[in-house]
């Protein structure tokens, strides 16, 4: 059964760094893209960064130059977040597109950036 498990959230002061990781439990060979989304209360979930199976990456304008997404191996995606700002606060969700097998989400990990 496919599952995504996030880790690495926490509390950090503005200007600090955090590293989020997401591990897929099965079916990793069929993954076409992995991504990180962020959600805050009363707002829609927004795309933060995405990486394709070919290595192409894209970022939201708000995090360009500060965040880096990477796939360390076939089943893990990481998000290195530097120079964090209070507006980066939110629950971060890992997402993976397994092609015909569909799209899966992790349960989320909370990131809190204090000013």
Protein backbone atom coordinates (compact mmCIF):
# COMPACT_ATOMS: atom_id res chain seq x y z
CA UNK A 1 0.00 0.00 0.00
CA UNK A 2 1.34 3.38 -0.98
CA UNK A 3 1.99 5.80 1.83
CA UNK A 4 3.89 9.06 2.16
CA UNK A 5 5.44 9.89 5.51
CA UNK A 6 6.76 13.38 6.22
CA UNK A 7 9.27 14.38 8.86
CA UNK A 8 11.32 17.40 9.84
CA UNK A 9 8.80 20.06 10.79
CA UNK A 10 9.12 22.16 13.90
CA UNK A 11 9.56 25.60 15.39
CA UNK A 12 12.30 27.91 14.15
CA UNK A 13 13.10 31.59 14.38
CA UNK A 14 12.93 33.82 11.34
CA UNK A 15 16.11 33.51 9.32
CA UNK A 16 16.63 29.93 10.37
CA UNK A 17 16.51 26.69 8.39
CA UNK A 18 14.59 23.45 8.39
CA UNK A 19 14.78 20.35 6.26
CA UNK A 20 11.67 18.36 5.46
CA UNK A 21 11.77 14.79 4.22
CA UNK A 22 9.11 12.58 2.69
CA UNK A 23 9.45 8.87 2.18
CA UNK A 24 7.23 6.81 -0.11
CA UNK A 25 6.53 3.29 1.06
CA UNK A 26 5.78 1.47 -2.20
CA UNK A 27 5.44 1.80 -5.95
CA UNK A 28 8.25 4.32 -6.21
CA UNK A 29 9.18 3.25 -9.74
CA UNK A 30 5.88 4.64 -11.02
CA UNK A 31 6.28 8.09 -9.46
CA UNK A 32 6.24 10.81 -12.11
CA UNK A 33 6.59 13.78 -9.78
CA UNK A 34 6.86 14.64 -6.10
CA UNK A 35 5.97 17.93 -4.53
CA UNK A 36 5.53 19.90 -1.35
CA UNK A 37 2.42 21.92 -0.65
CA UNK A 38 1.68 24.31 2.18
CA UNK A 39 -1.61 25.10 3.86
CA UNK A 40 -2.62 27.65 6.45
CA UNK A 41 -6.07 27.92 8.06
CA UNK A 42 -8.81 29.29 5.85
CA UNK A 43 -6.66 29.17 2.75
CA UNK A 44 -6.35 26.67 -0.07
CA UNK A 45 -3.40 24.35 -0.17
CA UNK A 46 -0.68 25.92 -2.34
CA UNK A 47 2.18 24.41 -4.27
CA UNK A 48 5.57 25.26 -2.81
CA UNK A 49 7.95 23.15 -4.91
CA UNK A 50 7.79 20.26 -7.34
CA UNK A 51 10.33 17.91 -8.88
CA UNK A 52 9.68 15.60 -11.80
CA UNK A 53 11.10 12.12 -12.24
CA UNK A 54 13.49 13.67 -14.77
CA UNK A 55 14.77 16.15 -12.25
CA UNK A 56 13.01 19.30 -13.45
CA UNK A 57 12.07 21.59 -10.57
CA UNK A 58 9.78 24.52 -10.05
CA UNK A 59 9.02 26.77 -7.10
CA UNK A 60 6.41 29.23 -6.02
CA UNK A 61 7.63 32.79 -6.36
CA UNK A 62 7.48 33.26 -2.60
CA UNK A 63 10.17 30.65 -1.92
CA UNK A 64 12.46 30.95 -4.94
CA UNK A 65 16.06 31.40 -3.87
CA UNK A 66 15.33 30.18 -0.34
CA UNK A 67 13.96 26.65 -0.71
CA UNK A 68 15.47 23.69 -2.56
CA UNK A 69 13.63 20.50 -3.48
CA UNK A 70 15.56 17.35 -4.26
CA UNK A 71 15.11 13.62 -4.61
CA UNK A 72 17.88 11.90 -2.77
CA UNK A 73 16.78 8.52 -4.04
CA UNK A 74 13.79 6.94 -5.68
CA UNK A 75 11.60 6.92 -2.58
CA UNK A 76 12.55 10.16 -0.79
CA UNK A 77 12.03 13.84 -1.52
CA UNK A 78 13.44 16.59 0.66
CA UNK A 79 12.76 20.28 0.98
CA UNK A 80 15.61 22.38 2.33
CA UNK A 81 14.18 25.63 3.65
CA UNK A 82 16.59 28.47 4.37
CA UNK A 83 16.07 32.05 5.49
CA UNK A 84 12.64 31.16 6.78
CA UNK A 85 10.06 33.89 7.21
CA UNK A 86 6.98 34.01 9.45
CA UNK A 87 4.81 33.78 6.33
CA UNK A 88 6.31 30.35 5.64
CA UNK A 89 4.39 29.05 8.64
CA UNK A 90 1.91 26.33 7.80
CA UNK A 91 1.34 22.63 7.47
CA UNK A 92 3.51 21.16 4.74
CA UNK A 93 2.19 18.20 2.80
CA UNK A 94 4.12 15.82 0.61
CA UNK A 95 2.47 14.82 -2.65
CA UNK A 96 3.40 12.12 -5.14
CA UNK A 97 1.94 11.39 -8.54
CA UNK A 98 2.01 7.68 -9.20
CA UNK A 99 0.73 8.04 -12.75
CA UNK A 100 -2.10 5.59 -13.44
CA UNK A 101 -2.11 4.58 -9.79
CA UNK A 102 -3.15 8.08 -8.82
CA UNK A 103 -2.05 10.85 -6.53
CA UNK A 104 -1.21 10.41 -2.86
CA UNK A 105 -0.73 12.77 0.07
CA UNK A 106 1.11 12.58 3.34
CA UNK A 107 -0.55 13.58 6.59
CA UNK A 108 1.43 16.80 6.85
CA UNK A 109 4.08 18.26 9.10
CA UNK A 110 3.77 21.59 10.87
CA UNK A 111 6.33 24.34 10.33
CA UNK A 112 6.18 27.37 12.60
CA UNK A 113 8.44 30.36 12.02
CA UNK A 114 8.54 32.90 14.83
CA UNK A 115 9.38 36.54 14.26
